[in-house]
Amino acid sequence: MIRLARTSLLIVAFALLTSAATAYAECAWVLWAEVQTTTGDRTTAVSASDTKLTCERSLKEILAQAEVNQSALVRKHTSEVLVPGSITRYTCLPDTVDPRGASR
């Protein structure tokens, strides 16, 4: 009887862990822009995507467009765009994560 209870408990635990991993993998992704200026900081959502790969493609497109701007310095390794007076840092996060914090 105890062996059956342990087996059942393991099956339930495995099912819960599997469903949580699947839900995380299937969530939407949001491209965020954190803009830092001398007058303050703000974080805004730029776009939403179905997959992390699509979000990262959008990020690469934004960085490529910024490279065309001669007054912008693009730091690809940190996903930052520097223009006179501001720094914008881009990041892809699951839609369950809000980098602005819990208060918003």
PDB file of N, CA and C in Angstrom:
ATOM      1  N   MET A   1       0.817  -1.192   0.000  1.00  0.00           N
ATOM      2  CA  MET A   1       0.000   0.000   0.000  1.00  0.00           C
ATOM      3  C   MET A   1       0.861   1.256   0.000  1.00  0.00           C
ATOM      4  N   ILE A   2       1.890   1.266   0.834  1.00  0.00           N
ATOM      5  CA  ILE A   2       2.774   2.426   0.902  1.00  0.00           C
ATOM      6  C   ILE A   2       3.507   2.600  -0.430  1.00  0.00           C
ATOM      7  N   ARG A   3       3.886   1.501  -1.035  1.00  0.00           N
ATOM      8  CA  ARG A   3       4.590   1.556  -2.321  1.00  0.00           C
ATOM      9  C   ARG A   3       3.694   2.166  -3.404  1.00  0.00           C
ATOM     10  N   LEU A   4       2.420   1.807  -3.398  1.00  0.00           N
ATOM     11  CA  LEU A   4       1.469   2.360  -4.352  1.00  0.00           C
ATOM     12  C   LEU A   4       1.298   3.865  -4.127  1.00  0.00           C
ATOM     13  N   ALA A   5       1.243   4.284  -2.872  1.00  0.00           N
ATOM     14  CA  ALA A   5       1.093   5.714  -2.556  1.00  0.00           C
ATOM     15  C   ALA A   5       2.311   6.493  -3.027  1.00  0.00           C
ATOM     16  N   ARG A   6       3.515   5.956  -2.834  1.00  0.00           N
ATOM     17  CA  ARG A   6       4.735   6.630  -3.288  1.00  0.00           C
ATOM     18  C   ARG A   6       4.765   6.733  -4.807  1.00  0.00           C
ATOM     19  N   THR A   7       4.388   5.661  -5.467  1.00  0.00           N
ATOM     20  CA  THR A   7       4.358   5.667  -6.936  1.00  0.00           C
ATOM     21  C   THR A   7       3.366   6.708  -7.436  1.00  0.00           C
ATOM     22  N   SER A   8       2.203   6.757  -6.824  1.00  0.00           N
ATOM     23  CA  SER A   8       1.185   7.739  -7.228  1.00  0.00           C
ATOM     24  C   SER A   8       1.685   9.160  -7.001  1.00  0.00           C
ATOM     25  N   LEU A   9       2.343   9.383  -5.874  1.00  0.00           N
ATOM     26  CA  LEU A   9       2.881  10.704  -5.559  1.00  0.00           C
ATOM     27  C   LEU A   9       3.936  11.118  -6.586  1.00  0.00           C
ATOM     28  N   LEU A  10       4.798  10.202  -6.975  1.00  0.00           N
ATOM     29  CA  LEU A  10       5.821  10.498  -7.980  1.00  0.00           C
ATOM     30  C   LEU A  10       5.199  10.825  -9.338  1.00  0.00           C
ATOM     31  N   ILE A  11       4.173  10.105  -9.707  1.00  0.00           N
ATOM     32  CA  ILE A  11       3.499  10.362 -10.986  1.00  0.00           C
ATOM     33  C   ILE A  11       2.852  11.745 -10.975  1.00  0.00           C
ATOM     34  N   VAL A  12       2.202  12.098  -9.883  1.00  0.00           N
ATOM     35  CA  VAL A  12       1.567  13.421  -9.781  1.00  0.00           C
ATOM     36  C   VAL A  12       2.628  14.521  -9.828  1.00  0.00           C
ATOM     37  N   ALA A  13       3.722  14.347  -9.097  1.00  0.00           N
ATOM     38  CA  ALA A  13       4.795  15.352  -9.095  1.00  0.00           C
ATOM     39  C   ALA A  13       5.392  15.513 -10.485  1.00  0.00           C
ATOM     40  N   PHE A  14       5.619  14.404 -11.177  1.00  0.00           N
ATOM     41  CA  PHE A  14       6.164  14.463 -12.534  1.00  0.00           C
ATOM     42  C   PHE A  14       5.205  15.186 -13.479  1.00  0.00           C
ATOM     43  N   ALA A  15       3.919  14.903 -13.354  1.00  0.00           N
ATOM     44  CA  ALA A  15       2.920  15.550 -14.212  1.00  0.00           C
ATOM     45  C   ALA A  15       2.885  17.055 -13.974  1.00  0.00           C
ATOM     46  N   LEU A  16       2.972  17.474 -12.728  1.00  0.00           N
ATOM     47  CA  LEU A  16       2.978  18.906 -12.419  1.00  0.00           C
ATOM     48  C   LEU A  16       4.220  19.598 -12.972  1.00  0.00           C
ATOM     49  N   LEU A  17       5.368  18.984 -12.804  1.00  0.00           N
ATOM     50  CA  LEU A  17       6.603  19.570 -13.320  1.00  0.00           C
ATOM     51  C   LEU A  17       6.591  19.643 -14.839  1.00  0.00           C
ATOM     52  N   THR A  18       6.097  18.628 -15.481  1.00  0.00           N
ATOM     53  CA  THR A  18       6.040  18.614 -16.946  1.00  0.00           C
ATOM     54  C   THR A  18       5.104  19.691 -17.458  1.00  0.00           C
ATOM     55  N   SER A  19       3.951  19.855 -16.837  1.00  0.00           N
ATOM     56  CA  SER A  19       3.000  20.871 -17.302  1.00  0.00           C
ATOM     57  C   SER A  19       3.547  22.269 -17.084  1.00  0.00           C
ATOM     58  N   ALA A  20       4.278  22.509 -16.001  1.00  0.00           N
ATOM     59  CA  ALA A  20       4.867  23.824 -15.761  1.00  0.00           C
ATOM     60  C   ALA A  20       5.940  24.133 -16.795  1.00  0.00           C
ATOM     61  N   ALA A  21       6.752  23.172 -17.141  1.00  0.00           N
ATOM     62  CA  ALA A  21       7.796  23.380 -18.146  1.00  0.00           C
ATOM     63  C   ALA A  21       7.185  23.637 -19.513  1.00  0.00           C
ATOM     64  N   THR A  22       6.140  22.937 -19.850  1.00  0.00           N
ATOM     65  CA  THR A  22       5.470  23.134 -21.131  1.00  0.00           C
ATOM     66  C   THR A  22       4.829  24.510 -21.194  1.00  0.00           C
ATOM     67  N   ALA A  23       4.199  24.939 -20.132  1.00  0.00           N
ATOM     68  CA  ALA A  23       3.567  26.258 -20.111  1.00  0.00           C
ATOM     69  C   ALA A  23       4.607  27.355 -20.287  1.00  0.00           C
ATOM     70  N   TYR A  24       5.752  27.228 -19.666  1.00  0.00           N
ATOM     71  CA  TYR A  24       6.805  28.235 -19.792  1.00  0.00           C
ATOM     72  C   TYR A  24       7.319  28.283 -21.227  1.00  0.00           C
ATOM     73  N   ALA A  25       7.484  27.138 -21.843  1.00  0.00           N
ATOM     74  CA  ALA A  25       8.026  27.091 -23.198  1.00  0.00           C
ATOM     75  C   ALA A  25       7.059  27.683 -24.211  1.00  0.00           C
ATOM     76  N   GLU A  26       5.766  27.658 -23.922  1.00  0.00           N
ATOM     77  CA  GLU A  26       4.771  28.120 -24.871  1.00  0.00           C
ATOM     78  C   GLU A  26       4.313  29.543 -24.624  1.00  0.00           C
ATOM     79  N   CYS A  27       4.900  30.250 -23.673  1.00  0.00           N
ATOM     80  CA  CYS A  27       4.435  31.595 -23.369  1.00  0.00           C
ATOM     81  C   CYS A  27       4.879  32.587 -24.438  1.00  0.00           C
ATOM     82  N   ALA A  28       4.248  33.740 -24.425  1.00  0.00           N
ATOM     83  CA  ALA A  28       4.638  34.810 -25.336  1.00  0.00           C
ATOM     84  C   ALA A  28       5.882  35.499 -24.789  1.00  0.00           C
ATOM     85  N   TRP A  29       6.563  36.225 -25.657  1.00  0.00           N
ATOM     86  CA  TRP A  29       7.776  36.955 -25.276  1.00  0.00           C
ATOM     87  C   TRP A  29       7.598  38.419 -25.599  1.00  0.00           C
ATOM     88  N   VAL A  30       8.125  39.267 -24.740  1.00  0.00           N
ATOM     89  CA  VAL A  30       7.997  40.708 -24.912  1.00  0.00           C
ATOM     90  C   VAL A  30       9.387  41.318 -25.034  1.00  0.00           C
ATOM     91  N   LEU A  31       9.550  42.191 -26.028  1.00  0.00           N
ATOM     92  CA  LEU A  31      10.784  42.957 -26.194  1.00  0.00           C
ATOM     93  C   LEU A  31      10.606  44.259 -25.431  1.00  0.00           C
ATOM     94  N   TRP A  32      11.471  44.474 -24.434  1.00  0.00           N
ATOM     95  CA  TRP A  32      11.413  45.655 -23.578  1.00  0.00           C
ATOM     96  C   TRP A  32      12.546  46.608 -23.925  1.00  0.00           C
ATOM     97  N   ALA A  33      12.279  47.899 -23.777  1.00  0.00           N
ATOM     98  CA  ALA A  33      13.296  48.933 -23.940  1.00  0.00           C
ATOM     99  C   ALA A  33      13.384  49.720 -22.643  1.00  0.00           C
ATOM    100  N   GLU A  34      14.570  49.746 -22.060  1.00  0.00           N
ATOM    101  CA  GLU A  34      14.814  50.542 -20.862  1.00  0.00           C
ATOM    102  C   GLU A  34      15.637  51.752 -21.297  1.00  0.00           C
ATOM    103  N   VAL A  35      15.033  52.928 -21.223  1.00  0.00           N
ATOM    104  CA  VAL A  35      15.684  54.152 -21.672  1.00  0.00           C
ATOM    105  C   VAL A  35      16.167  54.925 -20.453  1.00  0.00           C
ATOM    106  N   GLN A  36      17.462  55.229 -20.436  1.00  0.00           N
ATOM    107  CA  GLN A  36      18.054  56.010 -19.352  1.00  0.00           C
ATOM    108  C   GLN A  36      18.503  57.353 -19.917  1.00  0.00           C
ATOM    109  N   THR A  37      18.002  58.416 -19.311  1.00  0.00           N
ATOM    110  CA  THR A  37      18.391  59.763 -19.710  1.00  0.00           C
ATOM    111  C   THR A  37      18.798  60.542 -18.466  1.00  0.00           C
ATOM    112  N   THR A  38      19.288  61.724 -18.673  1.00  0.00           N
ATOM    113  CA  THR A  38      19.670  62.554 -17.531  1.00  0.00           C
ATOM    114  C   THR A  38      18.458  63.014 -16.738  1.00  0.00           C
ATOM    115  N   THR A  39      17.276  63.002 -17.361  1.00  0.00           N
ATOM    116  CA  THR A  39      16.059  63.432 -16.666  1.00  0.00           C
ATOM    117  C   THR A  39      15.293  62.283 -16.021  1.00  0.00           C
ATOM    118  N   GLY A  40      15.715  61.039 -16.253  1.00  0.00           N
ATOM    119  CA  GLY A  40      15.046  59.901 -15.631  1.00  0.00           C
ATOM    120  C   GLY A  40      15.083  58.661 -16.505  1.00  0.00           C
ATOM    121  N   ASP A  41      14.541  57.602 -15.958  1.00  0.00           N
ATOM    122  CA  ASP A  41      14.506  56.318 -16.656  1.00  0.00           C
ATOM    123  C   ASP A  41      13.057  55.922 -16.917  1.00  0.00           C
ATOM    124  N   ARG A  42      12.853  55.163 -18.008  1.00  0.00           N
ATOM    125  CA  ARG A  42      11.532  54.595 -18.265  1.00  0.00           C
ATOM    126  C   ARG A  42      11.718  53.267 -18.999  1.00  0.00           C
ATOM    127  N   THR A  43      10.826  52.347 -18.732  1.00  0.00           N
ATOM    128  CA  THR A  43      10.851  51.045 -19.390  1.00  0.00           C
ATOM    129  C   THR A  43       9.513  50.842 -20.081  1.00  0.00           C
ATOM    130  N   THR A  44       9.573  50.491 -21.367  1.00  0.00           N
ATOM    131  CA  THR A  44       8.348  50.296 -22.133  1.00  0.00           C
ATOM    132  C   THR A  44       8.444  49.025 -22.962  1.00  0.00           C
ATOM    133  N   ALA A  45       7.292  48.436 -23.223  1.00  0.00           N
ATOM    134  CA  ALA A  45       7.220  47.274 -24.104  1.00  0.00           C
ATOM    135  C   ALA A  45       7.281  47.764 -25.543  1.00  0.00           C
ATOM    136  N   VAL A  46       8.150  47.135 -26.350  1.00  0.00           N
ATOM    137  CA  VAL A  46       8.313  47.517 -27.748  1.00  0.00           C
ATOM    138  C   VAL A  46       7.446  46.641 -28.633  1.00  0.00           C
ATOM    139  N   SER A  47       7.486  45.325 -28.399  1.00  0.00           N
ATOM    140  CA  SER A  47       6.702  44.395 -29.208  1.00  0.00           C
ATOM    141  C   SER A  47       6.502  43.097 -28.440  1.00  0.00           C
ATOM    142  N   ALA A  48       5.574  42.282 -28.932  1.00  0.00           N
ATOM    143  CA  ALA A  48       5.318  40.961 -28.355  1.00  0.00           C
ATOM    144  C   ALA A  48       5.462  39.924 -29.461  1.00  0.00           C
ATOM    145  N   SER A  49       5.947  38.744 -29.085  1.00  0.00           N
ATOM    146  CA  SER A  49       6.178  37.670 -30.051  1.00  0.00           C
ATOM    147  C   SER A  49       5.685  36.355 -29.476  1.00  0.00           C
ATOM    148  N   ASP A  50       5.438  35.406 -30.374  1.00  0.00           N
ATOM    149  CA  ASP A  50       4.996  34.078 -29.933  1.00  0.00           C
ATOM    150  C   ASP A  50       6.132  33.237 -29.385  1.00  0.00           C
ATOM    151  N   THR A  51       7.363  33.490 -29.851  1.00  0.00           N
ATOM    152  CA  THR A  51       8.503  32.682 -29.420  1.00  0.00           C
ATOM    153  C   THR A  51       9.672  33.572 -29.043  1.00  0.00           C
ATOM    154  N   LYS A  52      10.590  33.014 -28.279  1.00  0.00           N
ATOM    155  CA  LYS A  52      11.790  33.754 -27.898  1.00  0.00           C
ATOM    156  C   LYS A  52      12.627  34.070 -29.134  1.00  0.00           C
ATOM    157  N   LEU A  53      12.692  33.136 -30.067  1.00  0.00           N
ATOM    158  CA  LEU A  53      13.474  33.342 -31.287  1.00  0.00           C
ATOM    159  C   LEU A  53      12.954  34.539 -32.085  1.00  0.00           C
ATOM    160  N   THR A  54      11.639  34.656 -32.204  1.00  0.00           N
ATOM    161  CA  THR A  54      11.047  35.783 -32.923  1.00  0.00           C
ATOM    162  C   THR A  54      11.340  37.092 -32.202  1.00  0.00           C
ATOM    163  N   CYS A  55      11.280  37.084 -30.892  1.00  0.00           N
ATOM    164  CA  CYS A  55      11.588  38.278 -30.108  1.00  0.00           C
ATOM    165  C   CYS A  55      13.040  38.691 -30.332  1.00  0.00           C
ATOM    166  N   GLU A  56      13.947  37.721 -30.320  1.00  0.00           N
ATOM    167  CA  GLU A  56      15.357  38.026 -30.529  1.00  0.00           C
ATOM    168  C   GLU A  56      15.625  38.539 -31.943  1.00  0.00           C
ATOM    169  N   ARG A  57      14.852  38.067 -32.914  1.00  0.00           N
ATOM    170  CA  ARG A  57      14.977  38.598 -34.287  1.00  0.00           C
ATOM    171  C   ARG A  57      14.563  40.066 -34.332  1.00  0.00           C
ATOM    172  N   SER A  58      13.485  40.397 -33.631  1.00  0.00           N
ATOM    173  CA  SER A  58      13.033  41.789 -33.567  1.00  0.00           C
ATOM    174  C   SER A  58      14.104  42.664 -32.926  1.00  0.00           C
ATOM    175  N   LEU A  59      14.726  42.149 -31.889  1.00  0.00           N
ATOM    176  CA  LEU A  59      15.807  42.873 -31.218  1.00  0.00           C
ATOM    177  C   LEU A  59      16.965  43.124 -32.180  1.00  0.00           C
ATOM    178  N   LYS A  60      17.366  42.109 -32.931  1.00  0.00           N
ATOM    179  CA  LYS A  60      18.458  42.263 -33.895  1.00  0.00           C
ATOM    180  C   LYS A  60      18.113  43.279 -34.974  1.00  0.00           C
ATOM    181  N   GLU A  61      16.855  43.299 -35.404  1.00  0.00           N
ATOM    182  CA  GLU A  61      16.423  44.280 -36.406  1.00  0.00           C
ATOM    183  C   GLU A  61      16.536  45.701 -35.871  1.00  0.00           C
ATOM    184  N   ILE A  62      16.132  45.901 -34.627  1.00  0.00           N
ATOM    185  CA  ILE A  62      16.226  47.230 -34.020  1.00  0.00           C
ATOM    186  C   ILE A  62      17.683  47.675 -33.922  1.00  0.00           C
ATOM    187  N   LEU A  63      18.559  46.762 -33.504  1.00  0.00           N
ATOM    188  CA  LEU A  63      19.977  47.105 -33.401  1.00  0.00           C
ATOM    189  C   LEU A  63      20.567  47.402 -34.779  1.00  0.00           C
ATOM    190  N   ALA A  64      20.151  46.650 -35.806  1.00  0.00           N
ATOM    191  CA  ALA A  64      20.647  46.887 -37.163  1.00  0.00           C
ATOM    192  C   ALA A  64      20.177  48.248 -37.678  1.00  0.00           C
ATOM    193  N   GLN A  65      18.937  48.619 -37.391  1.00  0.00           N
ATOM    194  CA  GLN A  65      18.428  49.923 -37.802  1.00  0.00           C
ATOM    195  C   GLN A  65      19.169  51.044 -37.088  1.00  0.00           C
ATOM    196  N   ALA A  66      19.500  50.830 -35.824  1.00  0.00           N
ATOM    197  CA  ALA A  66      20.207  51.858 -35.059  1.00  0.00           C
ATOM    198  C   ALA A  66      21.624  52.062 -35.595  1.00  0.00           C
ATOM    199  N   GLU A  67      22.227  51.007 -36.144  1.00  0.00           N
ATOM    200  CA  GLU A  67      23.583  51.132 -36.688  1.00  0.00           C
ATOM    201  C   GLU A  67      23.628  52.078 -37.881  1.00  0.00           C
ATOM    202  N   VAL A  68      22.518  52.219 -38.587  1.00  0.00           N
ATOM    203  CA  VAL A  68      22.447  53.117 -39.735  1.00  0.00           C
ATOM    204  C   VAL A  68      22.539  54.580 -39.281  1.00  0.00           C
ATOM    205  N   ASN A  69      22.022  54.857 -38.099  1.00  0.00           N
ATOM    206  CA  ASN A  69      22.058  56.202 -37.535  1.00  0.00           C
ATOM    207  C   ASN A  69      23.498  56.542 -37.146  1.00  0.00           C
ATOM    208  N   GLN A  70      24.065  57.543 -37.793  1.00  0.00           N
ATOM    209  CA  GLN A  70      25.475  57.861 -37.568  1.00  0.00           C
ATOM    210  C   GLN A  70      25.746  58.456 -36.192  1.00  0.00           C
ATOM    211  N   SER A  71      24.717  58.953 -35.535  1.00  0.00           N
ATOM    212  CA  SER A  71      24.936  59.517 -34.197  1.00  0.00           C
ATOM    213  C   SER A  71      24.735  58.477 -33.097  1.00  0.00           C
ATOM    214  N   ALA A  72      24.426  57.237 -33.483  1.00  0.00           N
ATOM    215  CA  ALA A  72      24.187  56.172 -32.500  1.00  0.00           C
ATOM    216  C   ALA A  72      25.370  55.222 -32.438  1.00  0.00           C
ATOM    217  N   LEU A  73      25.664  54.773 -31.237  1.00  0.00           N
ATOM    218  CA  LEU A  73      26.666  53.735 -31.016  1.00  0.00           C
ATOM    219  C   LEU A  73      25.916  52.499 -30.538  1.00  0.00           C
ATOM    220  N   VAL A  74      26.090  51.386 -31.233  1.00  0.00           N
ATOM    221  CA  VAL A  74      25.378  50.158 -30.895  1.00  0.00           C
ATOM    222  C   VAL A  74      26.343  49.186 -30.238  1.00  0.00           C
ATOM    223  N   ARG A  75      25.968  48.731 -29.066  1.00  0.00           N
ATOM    224  CA  ARG A  75      26.734  47.700 -28.354  1.00  0.00           C
ATOM    225  C   ARG A  75      25.926  46.414 -28.435  1.00  0.00           C
ATOM    226  N   LYS A  76      26.241  45.577 -29.430  1.00  0.00           N
ATOM    227  CA  LYS A  76      25.449  44.361 -29.643  1.00  0.00           C
ATOM    228  C   LYS A  76      25.567  43.376 -28.483  1.00  0.00           C
ATOM    229  N   HIS A  77      26.744  43.273 -27.879  1.00  0.00           N
ATOM    230  CA  HIS A  77      26.931  42.287 -26.811  1.00  0.00           C
ATOM    231  C   HIS A  77      26.083  42.596 -25.576  1.00  0.00           C
ATOM    232  N   THR A  78      25.671  43.852 -25.401  1.00  0.00           N
ATOM    233  CA  THR A  78      24.796  44.204 -24.279  1.00  0.00           C
ATOM    234  C   THR A  78      23.430  44.680 -24.745  1.00  0.00           C
ATOM    235  N   SER A  79      23.181  44.648 -26.058  1.00  0.00           N
ATOM    236  CA  SER A  79      21.914  45.086 -26.655  1.00  0.00           C
ATOM    237  C   SER A  79      21.581  46.517 -26.267  1.00  0.00           C
ATOM    238  N   GLU A  80      22.581  47.394 -26.357  1.00  0.00           N
ATOM    239  CA  GLU A  80      22.401  48.792 -26.002  1.00  0.00           C
ATOM    240  C   GLU A  80      22.595  49.688 -27.222  1.00  0.00           C
ATOM    241  N   VAL A  81      21.824  50.764 -27.249  1.00  0.00           N
ATOM    242  CA  VAL A  81      21.980  51.806 -28.259  1.00  0.00           C
ATOM    243  C   VAL A  81      22.243  53.111 -27.509  1.00  0.00           C
ATOM    244  N   LEU A  82      23.378  53.716 -27.809  1.00  0.00           N
ATOM    245  CA  LEU A  82      23.749  54.969 -27.175  1.00  0.00           C
ATOM    246  C   LEU A  82      23.629  56.099 -28.186  1.00  0.00           C
ATOM    247  N   VAL A  83      22.860  57.094 -27.836  1.00  0.00           N
ATOM    248  CA  VAL A  83      22.771  58.320 -28.624  1.00  0.00           C
ATOM    249  C   VAL A  83      23.035  59.462 -27.653  1.00  0.00           C
ATOM    250  N   PRO A  84      23.427  60.617 -28.151  1.00  0.00           N
ATOM    251  CA  PRO A  84      23.696  61.727 -27.223  1.00  0.00           C
ATOM    252  C   PRO A  84      22.507  61.974 -26.282  1.00  0.00           C
ATOM    253  N   GLY A  85      22.748  61.854 -25.005  1.00  0.00           N
ATOM    254  CA  GLY A  85      21.724  62.115 -24.001  1.00  0.00           C
ATOM    255  C   GLY A  85      20.942  60.917 -23.505  1.00  0.00           C
ATOM    256  N   SER A  86      21.132  59.739 -24.124  1.00  0.00           N
ATOM    257  CA  SER A  86      20.375  58.583 -23.635  1.00  0.00           C
ATOM    258  C   SER A  86      21.055  57.261 -23.981  1.00  0.00           C
ATOM    259  N   ILE A  87      20.712  56.273 -23.190  1.00  0.00           N
ATOM    260  CA  ILE A  87      21.115  54.890 -23.427  1.00  0.00           C
ATOM    261  C   ILE A  87      19.840  54.061 -23.407  1.00  0.00           C
ATOM    262  N   THR A  88      19.648  53.246 -24.437  1.00  0.00           N
ATOM    263  CA  THR A  88      18.496  52.352 -24.476  1.00  0.00           C
ATOM    264  C   THR A  88      18.994  50.919 -24.466  1.00  0.00           C
ATOM    265  N   ARG A  89      18.536  50.162 -23.484  1.00  0.00           N
ATOM    266  CA  ARG A  89      18.913  48.751 -23.347  1.00  0.00           C
ATOM    267  C   ARG A  89      17.695  47.899 -23.664  1.00  0.00           C
ATOM    268  N   TYR A  90      17.850  46.965 -24.600  1.00  0.00           N
ATOM    269  CA  TYR A  90      16.756  46.099 -25.030  1.00  0.00           C
ATOM    270  C   TYR A  90      16.940  44.703 -24.453  1.00  0.00           C
ATOM    271  N   THR A  91      15.798  44.074 -24.132  1.00  0.00           N
ATOM    272  CA  THR A  91      15.847  42.703 -23.632  1.00  0.00           C
ATOM    273  C   THR A  91      14.538  41.981 -23.934  1.00  0.00           C
ATOM    274  N   CYS A  92      14.635  40.687 -24.232  1.00  0.00           N
ATOM    275  CA  CYS A  92      13.465  39.832 -24.445  1.00  0.00           C
ATOM    276  C   CYS A  92      13.185  39.055 -23.160  1.00  0.00           C
ATOM    277  N   LEU A  93      11.949  39.141 -22.707  1.00  0.00           N
ATOM    278  CA  LEU A  93      11.550  38.438 -21.487  1.00  0.00           C
ATOM    279  C   LEU A  93      10.218  37.736 -21.708  1.00  0.00           C
ATOM    280  N   PRO A  94       9.976  36.637 -20.984  1.00  0.00           N
ATOM    281  CA  PRO A  94       8.660  35.994 -21.068  1.00  0.00           C
ATOM    282  C   PRO A  94       7.579  36.989 -20.646  1.00  0.00           C
ATOM    283  N   ASP A  95       6.384  36.819 -21.179  1.00  0.00           N
ATOM    284  CA  ASP A  95       5.315  37.768 -20.857  1.00  0.00           C
ATOM    285  C   ASP A  95       4.900  37.715 -19.393  1.00  0.00           C
ATOM    286  N   THR A  96       5.372  36.754 -18.658  1.00  0.00           N
ATOM    287  CA  THR A  96       5.072  36.663 -17.231  1.00  0.00           C
ATOM    288  C   THR A  96       6.014  37.521 -16.391  1.00  0.00           C
ATOM    289  N   VAL A  97       7.030  38.109 -17.029  1.00  0.00           N
ATOM    290  CA  VAL A  97       8.010  38.923 -16.315  1.00  0.00           C
ATOM    291  C   VAL A  97       7.843  40.382 -16.739  1.00  0.00           C
ATOM    292  N   ASP A  98       7.655  41.259 -15.767  1.00  0.00           N
ATOM    293  CA  ASP A  98       7.556  42.692 -16.037  1.00  0.00           C
ATOM    294  C   ASP A  98       8.745  43.368 -15.365  1.00  0.00           C
ATOM    295  N   PRO A  99       9.703  43.883 -16.155  1.00  0.00           N
ATOM    296  CA  PRO A  99      10.905  44.479 -15.545  1.00  0.00           C
ATOM    297  C   PRO A  99      10.630  45.775 -14.801  1.00  0.00           C
ATOM    298  N   ARG A 100       9.430  46.321 -14.931  1.00  0.00           N
ATOM    299  CA  ARG A 100       9.091  47.555 -14.211  1.00  0.00           C
ATOM    300  C   ARG A 100       8.778  47.285 -12.758  1.00  0.00           C
ATOM    301  N   GLY A 101       8.599  46.037 -12.391  1.00  0.00           N
ATOM    302  CA  GLY A 101       8.321  45.675 -11.009  1.00  0.00           C
ATOM    303  C   GLY A 101       6.856  45.376 -10.789  1.00  0.00           C
ATOM    304  N   ALA A 102       6.539  44.975  -9.582  1.00  0.00           N
ATOM    305  CA  ALA A 102       5.185  44.534  -9.238  1.00  0.00           C
ATOM    306  C   ALA A 102       4.209  45.695  -9.067  1.00  0.00           C
ATOM    307  N   SER A 103       4.702  46.900  -8.907  1.00  0.00           N
ATOM    308  CA  SER A 103       3.821  48.025  -8.622  1.00  0.00           C
ATOM    309  C   SER A 103       3.079  48.529  -9.844  1.00  0.00           C
ATOM    310  N   ARG A 104       3.414  48.059 -11.036  1.00  0.00           N
ATOM    311  CA  ARG A 104       2.756  48.595 -12.242  1.00  0.00           C
ATOM    312  C   ARG A 104       1.829  47.610 -12.854  1.00  0.00           C
TER     313      ARG A 104
END
